[in-house]
Amino acid sequence: MKEAMSFNGPFKGWESKVKDRDDLLESLAKVAYYASGQLVGSPLDIKDFNTLPHVQRERLKNVLYAAFENLCRNICDVGEQGKDRISFHLVYDLSEEYSEGMLKLFHRIRRESQHYRHTIQSISFADDEISSGLQAADIVAYCLRQRHMDTEAYRTGIVRRLCEILFPKDFNVRYINYGPGAGLGDGKLDPKNQQLEPPNP
């Protein structure tokens, strides 16, 4: 998504084809939305992360790990909806910098909670250049971040249109608050926020 917006990588030389790029991104966003059983986001402002007590930051190590924990919590909540519990296989971006840490966190989360073991049963890593699921997640994450930060890109242009497709009015976002005694990095979901609505009832 960053490459599409900055005309780099596969989009190098597209500066004169802005409409073609925008049409492509709209089509991809529609596919991502309508092919999804549930859209789950876990925005966490790095400024909020940096204001956490030193002990919590040391335990979480990185804002990405905090967001991963939040995402796992949201996924587990989705898995409990309805009569039958749903189990999930996570596919995470293959990153030399973070993959090892994410795998360790995945194991720790499963060790500390039977609920997580039953719901999030496996994890794998894939190259986002060849994984359509990760590419869809990248569009969602980019747009959710722009929306969360209320950037100029969100207020105008194609990002606004993508957000309208991906995040309709009934789309709610759950944030994570960190406080003592919540476990798993002392993360605690804010009860005021509701679960995200599924795109396809």
C-alpha atoms as a PDB file:
ATOM      1  CA  MET A   1       0.000   0.000   0.000  1.00  0.00           C
ATOM      2  CA  LYS A   2       2.875   2.365   0.782  1.00  0.00           C
ATOM      3  CA  GLU A   3       4.369   1.605  -2.615  1.00  0.00           C
ATOM      4  CA  ALA A   4       1.055   2.283  -4.312  1.00  0.00           C
ATOM      5  CA  MET A   5       0.752   5.645  -2.559  1.00  0.00           C
ATOM      6  CA  SER A   6       4.378   6.660  -3.224  1.00  0.00           C
ATOM      7  CA  PHE A   7       4.642   5.174  -6.730  1.00  0.00           C
ATOM      8  CA  ASN A   8       7.486   2.833  -5.806  1.00  0.00           C
ATOM      9  CA  GLY A   9       8.092  -0.890  -6.286  1.00  0.00           C
ATOM     10  CA  PRO A  10       5.471  -2.430  -8.590  1.00  0.00           C
ATOM     11  CA  PHE A  11       3.899   1.031  -8.941  1.00  0.00           C
ATOM     12  CA  LYS A  12       7.046   2.746 -10.139  1.00  0.00           C
ATOM     13  CA  GLY A  13       6.211   4.827 -13.226  1.00  0.00           C
ATOM     14  CA  TRP A  14       2.498   5.066 -12.357  1.00  0.00           C
ATOM     15  CA  GLU A  15       2.662   8.792 -11.554  1.00  0.00           C
ATOM     16  CA  SER A  16       0.768   9.519 -14.768  1.00  0.00           C
ATOM     17  CA  LYS A  17      -1.775   6.744 -14.082  1.00  0.00           C
ATOM     18  CA  VAL A  18      -3.278   7.907 -10.802  1.00  0.00           C
ATOM     19  CA  LYS A  19      -6.828   6.994 -11.836  1.00  0.00           C
ATOM     20  CA  ASP A  20      -5.712   3.481 -12.820  1.00  0.00           C
ATOM     21  CA  ARG A  21      -4.019   3.067  -9.442  1.00  0.00           C
ATOM     22  CA  ASP A  22      -7.074   4.352  -7.591  1.00  0.00           C
ATOM     23  CA  ASP A  23      -9.414   2.078  -9.563  1.00  0.00           C
ATOM     24  CA  LEU A  24      -7.161  -0.908  -8.800  1.00  0.00           C
ATOM     25  CA  LEU A  25      -7.029  -0.095  -5.077  1.00  0.00           C
ATOM     26  CA  GLU A  26     -10.825   0.327  -4.933  1.00  0.00           C
ATOM     27  CA  SER A  27     -11.296  -3.053  -6.598  1.00  0.00           C
ATOM     28  CA  LEU A  28      -8.873  -4.713  -4.187  1.00  0.00           C
ATOM     29  CA  ALA A  29     -10.556  -3.097  -1.176  1.00  0.00           C
ATOM     30  CA  LYS A  30     -13.955  -4.383  -2.322  1.00  0.00           C
ATOM     31  CA  VAL A  31     -12.567  -7.902  -2.740  1.00  0.00           C
ATOM     32  CA  ALA A  32     -10.965  -7.728   0.720  1.00  0.00           C
ATOM     33  CA  TYR A  33     -14.188  -6.517   2.316  1.00  0.00           C
ATOM     34  CA  TYR A  34     -16.652  -8.878   0.689  1.00  0.00           C
ATOM     35  CA  ALA A  35     -14.367 -11.930   0.950  1.00  0.00           C
ATOM     36  CA  SER A  36     -13.819 -11.368   4.678  1.00  0.00           C
ATOM     37  CA  GLY A  37     -15.859 -13.034   7.363  1.00  0.00           C
ATOM     38  CA  GLN A  38     -14.662 -10.396   9.824  1.00  0.00           C
ATOM     39  CA  LEU A  39     -12.436  -7.335   9.727  1.00  0.00           C
ATOM     40  CA  VAL A  40     -10.452  -6.905  12.924  1.00  0.00           C
ATOM     41  CA  GLY A  41      -8.101  -4.025  13.612  1.00  0.00           C
ATOM     42  CA  SER A  42      -5.857  -3.242  16.572  1.00  0.00           C
ATOM     43  CA  PRO A  43      -4.523   0.315  16.370  1.00  0.00           C
ATOM     44  CA  LEU A  44      -2.211   1.406  19.168  1.00  0.00           C
ATOM     45  CA  ASP A  45      -0.630   4.849  19.078  1.00  0.00           C
ATOM     46  CA  ILE A  46       3.131   4.669  19.590  1.00  0.00           C
ATOM     47  CA  LYS A  47       2.914   7.795  21.744  1.00  0.00           C
ATOM     48  CA  ASP A  48       0.550   5.962  24.090  1.00  0.00           C
ATOM     49  CA  PHE A  49       2.885   2.977  24.119  1.00  0.00           C
ATOM     50  CA  ASN A  50       5.857   5.181  24.993  1.00  0.00           C
ATOM     51  CA  THR A  51       4.022   6.661  27.995  1.00  0.00           C
ATOM     52  CA  LEU A  52       3.539   3.221  29.585  1.00  0.00           C
ATOM     53  CA  PRO A  53       5.533   2.500  32.748  1.00  0.00           C
ATOM     54  CA  HIS A  54       9.033   1.214  32.070  1.00  0.00           C
ATOM     55  CA  VAL A  55       8.204  -2.265  33.404  1.00  0.00           C
ATOM     56  CA  GLN A  56       5.345  -2.691  30.921  1.00  0.00           C
ATOM     57  CA  ARG A  57       7.399  -1.427  27.980  1.00  0.00           C
ATOM     58  CA  GLU A  58      10.183  -3.820  28.924  1.00  0.00           C
ATOM     59  CA  ARG A  59       7.714  -6.690  29.035  1.00  0.00           C
ATOM     60  CA  LEU A  60       6.089  -5.849  25.700  1.00  0.00           C
ATOM     61  CA  LYS A  61       9.405  -4.879  24.021  1.00  0.00           C
ATOM     62  CA  ASN A  62       7.820  -3.173  21.018  1.00  0.00           C
ATOM     63  CA  VAL A  63       4.568  -1.492  20.009  1.00  0.00           C
ATOM     64  CA  LEU A  64       4.105  -4.148  17.298  1.00  0.00           C
ATOM     65  CA  TYR A  65       4.060  -6.892  19.914  1.00  0.00           C
ATOM     66  CA  ALA A  66       1.463  -4.970  21.905  1.00  0.00           C
ATOM     67  CA  ALA A  67      -0.687  -4.656  18.773  1.00  0.00           C
ATOM     68  CA  PHE A  68      -0.224  -8.382  18.065  1.00  0.00           C
ATOM     69  CA  GLU A  69      -1.466  -9.215  21.558  1.00  0.00           C
ATOM     70  CA  ASN A  70      -4.485  -6.969  21.047  1.00  0.00           C
ATOM     71  CA  LEU A  71      -5.188  -8.601  17.690  1.00  0.00           C
ATOM     72  CA  CYS A  72      -5.100 -12.061  19.289  1.00  0.00           C
ATOM     73  CA  ARG A  73      -7.605 -10.924  21.918  1.00  0.00           C
ATOM     74  CA  ASN A  74      -9.943  -9.591  19.236  1.00  0.00           C
ATOM     75  CA  ILE A  75      -9.616 -12.779  17.194  1.00  0.00           C
ATOM     76  CA  CYS A  76     -10.472 -14.889  20.251  1.00  0.00           C
ATOM     77  CA  ASP A  77     -13.581 -12.798  20.845  1.00  0.00           C
ATOM     78  CA  VAL A  78     -14.620 -13.357  17.223  1.00  0.00           C
ATOM     79  CA  GLY A  79     -13.997 -17.093  17.633  1.00  0.00           C
ATOM     80  CA  GLU A  80     -16.495 -17.256  20.511  1.00  0.00           C
ATOM     81  CA  GLN A  81     -19.368 -15.616  18.651  1.00  0.00           C
ATOM     82  CA  GLY A  82     -22.268 -17.847  17.701  1.00  0.00           C
ATOM     83  CA  LYS A  83     -22.994 -21.385  18.803  1.00  0.00           C
ATOM     84  CA  ASP A  84     -19.783 -23.009  17.589  1.00  0.00           C
ATOM     85  CA  ARG A  85     -16.299 -21.899  18.540  1.00  0.00           C
ATOM     86  CA  ILE A  86     -14.145 -21.061  15.522  1.00  0.00           C
ATOM     87  CA  SER A  87     -10.426 -21.842  15.415  1.00  0.00           C
ATOM     88  CA  PHE A  88      -7.916 -19.733  13.505  1.00  0.00           C
ATOM     89  CA  HIS A  89      -4.627 -20.193  11.700  1.00  0.00           C
ATOM     90  CA  LEU A  90      -2.644 -16.939  11.704  1.00  0.00           C
ATOM     91  CA  VAL A  91      -0.524 -15.938   8.710  1.00  0.00           C
ATOM     92  CA  TYR A  92       1.961 -13.238   9.632  1.00  0.00           C
ATOM     93  CA  ASP A  93       4.231 -11.109   7.466  1.00  0.00           C
ATOM     94  CA  LEU A  94       7.624 -12.753   6.977  1.00  0.00           C
ATOM     95  CA  SER A  95       9.939 -10.186   8.521  1.00  0.00           C
ATOM     96  CA  GLU A  96      13.486 -10.976   9.646  1.00  0.00           C
ATOM     97  CA  GLU A  97      13.213  -8.229  12.240  1.00  0.00           C
ATOM     98  CA  TYR A  98       9.950  -9.314  13.906  1.00  0.00           C
ATOM     99  CA  SER A  99       9.024 -12.896  12.911  1.00  0.00           C
ATOM    100  CA  GLU A 100      11.068 -14.541  15.660  1.00  0.00           C
ATOM    101  CA  GLY A 101       9.610 -12.226  18.316  1.00  0.00           C
ATOM    102  CA  MET A 102       6.065 -12.812  17.077  1.00  0.00           C
ATOM    103  CA  LEU A 103       6.569 -16.581  17.246  1.00  0.00           C
ATOM    104  CA  LYS A 104       7.841 -16.333  20.832  1.00  0.00           C
ATOM    105  CA  LEU A 105       4.872 -14.125  21.770  1.00  0.00           C
ATOM    106  CA  PHE A 106       2.483 -16.576  20.086  1.00  0.00           C
ATOM    107  CA  HIS A 107       3.870 -19.408  22.223  1.00  0.00           C
ATOM    108  CA  ARG A 108       3.680 -17.305  25.400  1.00  0.00           C
ATOM    109  CA  ILE A 109       0.063 -16.309  24.756  1.00  0.00           C
ATOM    110  CA  ARG A 110      -0.906 -19.952  24.206  1.00  0.00           C
ATOM    111  CA  ARG A 111       0.953 -21.085  27.337  1.00  0.00           C
ATOM    112  CA  GLU A 112      -0.824 -18.539  29.518  1.00  0.00           C
ATOM    113  CA  SER A 113      -4.376 -19.132  28.314  1.00  0.00           C
ATOM    114  CA  GLN A 114      -6.306 -22.259  27.397  1.00  0.00           C
ATOM    115  CA  HIS A 115      -8.792 -19.961  25.660  1.00  0.00           C
ATOM    116  CA  TYR A 116      -6.036 -18.870  23.260  1.00  0.00           C
ATOM    117  CA  ARG A 117      -4.844 -22.453  22.716  1.00  0.00           C
ATOM    118  CA  HIS A 118      -8.320 -23.521  21.610  1.00  0.00           C
ATOM    119  CA  THR A 119      -8.946 -20.538  19.341  1.00  0.00           C
ATOM    120  CA  ILE A 120      -5.596 -19.588  17.790  1.00  0.00           C
ATOM    121  CA  GLN A 121      -4.241 -22.995  16.937  1.00  0.00           C
ATOM    122  CA  SER A 122      -1.363 -22.268  14.587  1.00  0.00           C
ATOM    123  CA  ILE A 123       0.772 -19.576  12.979  1.00  0.00           C
ATOM    124  CA  SER A 124       2.855 -19.376   9.821  1.00  0.00           C
ATOM    125  CA  PHE A 125       4.830 -16.674   8.034  1.00  0.00           C
ATOM    126  CA  ALA A 126       4.600 -15.639   4.391  1.00  0.00           C
ATOM    127  CA  ASP A 127       6.060 -13.084   1.999  1.00  0.00           C
ATOM    128  CA  ASP A 128       3.554 -10.274   1.596  1.00  0.00           C
ATOM    129  CA  GLU A 129       4.533  -9.860  -2.067  1.00  0.00           C
ATOM    130  CA  ILE A 130       3.040 -13.269  -2.910  1.00  0.00           C
ATOM    131  CA  SER A 131       0.327 -13.677  -0.254  1.00  0.00           C
ATOM    132  CA  SER A 132      -2.991 -12.178  -1.308  1.00  0.00           C
ATOM    133  CA  GLY A 133      -4.290 -12.376   2.266  1.00  0.00           C
ATOM    134  CA  LEU A 134      -1.371 -10.341   3.578  1.00  0.00           C
ATOM    135  CA  GLN A 135      -1.773  -7.824   0.769  1.00  0.00           C
ATOM    136  CA  ALA A 136      -5.425  -7.366   1.738  1.00  0.00           C
ATOM    137  CA  ALA A 137      -4.396  -7.016   5.389  1.00  0.00           C
ATOM    138  CA  ASP A 138      -1.829  -4.408   4.350  1.00  0.00           C
ATOM    139  CA  ILE A 139      -4.517  -2.288   2.677  1.00  0.00           C
ATOM    140  CA  VAL A 140      -6.739  -2.582   5.754  1.00  0.00           C
ATOM    141  CA  ALA A 141      -3.894  -1.740   8.147  1.00  0.00           C
ATOM    142  CA  TYR A 142      -2.708   1.244   6.095  1.00  0.00           C
ATOM    143  CA  CYS A 143      -6.199   2.699   5.842  1.00  0.00           C
ATOM    144  CA  LEU A 144      -7.025   2.009   9.486  1.00  0.00           C
ATOM    145  CA  ARG A 145      -3.849   3.806  10.541  1.00  0.00           C
ATOM    146  CA  GLN A 146      -4.654   6.826   8.367  1.00  0.00           C
ATOM    147  CA  ARG A 147      -8.192   6.864   9.783  1.00  0.00           C
ATOM    148  CA  HIS A 148      -6.977   6.497  13.367  1.00  0.00           C
ATOM    149  CA  MET A 149      -4.468   9.349  12.963  1.00  0.00           C
ATOM    150  CA  ASP A 150      -6.942  11.491  10.993  1.00  0.00           C
ATOM    151  CA  THR A 151      -4.268  12.299   8.411  1.00  0.00           C
ATOM    152  CA  GLU A 152      -4.618  14.481   5.355  1.00  0.00           C
ATOM    153  CA  ALA A 153      -4.469  11.294   3.266  1.00  0.00           C
ATOM    154  CA  TYR A 154      -7.521  10.005   5.146  1.00  0.00           C
ATOM    155  CA  ARG A 155      -9.498  13.227   4.771  1.00  0.00           C
ATOM    156  CA  THR A 156      -8.955  13.498   1.022  1.00  0.00           C
ATOM    157  CA  GLY A 157      -8.341  11.357  -2.018  1.00  0.00           C
ATOM    158  CA  ILE A 158      -8.280   7.604  -2.526  1.00  0.00           C
ATOM    159  CA  VAL A 159      -7.567   6.685   1.110  1.00  0.00           C
ATOM    160  CA  ARG A 160     -10.878   8.235   2.142  1.00  0.00           C
ATOM    161  CA  ARG A 161     -12.685   6.186  -0.494  1.00  0.00           C
ATOM    162  CA  LEU A 162     -10.935   2.992   0.589  1.00  0.00           C
ATOM    163  CA  CYS A 163     -11.920   3.682   4.200  1.00  0.00           C
ATOM    164  CA  GLU A 164     -15.541   4.125   3.144  1.00  0.00           C
ATOM    165  CA  ILE A 165     -15.392   0.695   1.494  1.00  0.00           C
ATOM    166  CA  LEU A 166     -13.514  -1.099   4.270  1.00  0.00           C
ATOM    167  CA  PHE A 167     -14.949   0.633   7.343  1.00  0.00           C
ATOM    168  CA  PRO A 168     -18.675   1.354   6.955  1.00  0.00           C
ATOM    169  CA  LYS A 169     -20.553   3.294   9.602  1.00  0.00           C
ATOM    170  CA  ASP A 170     -21.215   0.200  11.728  1.00  0.00           C
ATOM    171  CA  PHE A 171     -17.492  -0.606  11.887  1.00  0.00           C
ATOM    172  CA  ASN A 172     -16.171  -0.221  15.430  1.00  0.00           C
ATOM    173  CA  VAL A 173     -12.579  -0.396  16.604  1.00  0.00           C
ATOM    174  CA  ARG A 174     -11.452  -1.887  19.902  1.00  0.00           C
ATOM    175  CA  TYR A 175      -8.497  -0.291  21.601  1.00  0.00           C
ATOM    176  CA  ILE A 176      -6.302  -1.834  24.228  1.00  0.00           C
ATOM    177  CA  ASN A 177      -5.542  -0.173  27.539  1.00  0.00           C
ATOM    178  CA  TYR A 178      -2.658  -1.362  29.666  1.00  0.00           C
ATOM    179  CA  GLY A 179      -3.111  -1.677  33.399  1.00  0.00           C
ATOM    180  CA  PRO A 180      -1.906  -3.830  36.301  1.00  0.00           C
ATOM    181  CA  GLY A 181      -3.208  -7.353  36.710  1.00  0.00           C
ATOM    182  CA  ALA A 182      -4.564  -7.954  33.220  1.00  0.00           C
ATOM    183  CA  GLY A 183      -1.915 -10.503  32.259  1.00  0.00           C
ATOM    184  CA  LEU A 184      -0.358 -11.051  28.836  1.00  0.00           C
ATOM    185  CA  GLY A 185       1.755  -7.940  29.022  1.00  0.00           C
ATOM    186  CA  ASP A 186      -0.768  -6.276  31.345  1.00  0.00           C
ATOM    187  CA  GLY A 187      -3.010  -5.518  28.384  1.00  0.00           C
ATOM    188  CA  LYS A 188      -6.670  -4.937  29.085  1.00  0.00           C
ATOM    189  CA  LEU A 189      -9.361  -4.231  26.523  1.00  0.00           C
ATOM    190  CA  ASP A 190     -11.393  -1.111  27.028  1.00  0.00           C
ATOM    191  CA  PRO A 191     -14.942  -2.388  27.834  1.00  0.00           C
ATOM    192  CA  LYS A 192     -16.472   0.763  26.339  1.00  0.00           C
ATOM    193  CA  ASN A 193     -15.561  -0.380  22.834  1.00  0.00           C
ATOM    194  CA  GLN A 194     -17.727  -2.942  21.072  1.00  0.00           C
ATOM    195  CA  GLN A 195     -16.665  -5.843  18.913  1.00  0.00           C
ATOM    196  CA  LEU A 196     -16.173  -5.100  15.232  1.00  0.00           C
ATOM    197  CA  GLU A 197     -19.210  -5.849  13.118  1.00  0.00           C
ATOM    198  CA  PRO A 198     -18.799  -8.607  10.519  1.00  0.00           C
ATOM    199  CA  PRO A 199     -18.944  -7.369   6.924  1.00  0.00           C
ATOM    200  CA  ASN A 200     -21.120 -10.311   5.875  1.00  0.00           C
ATOM    201  CA  PRO A 201     -23.891 -11.153   8.406  1.00  0.00           C
END
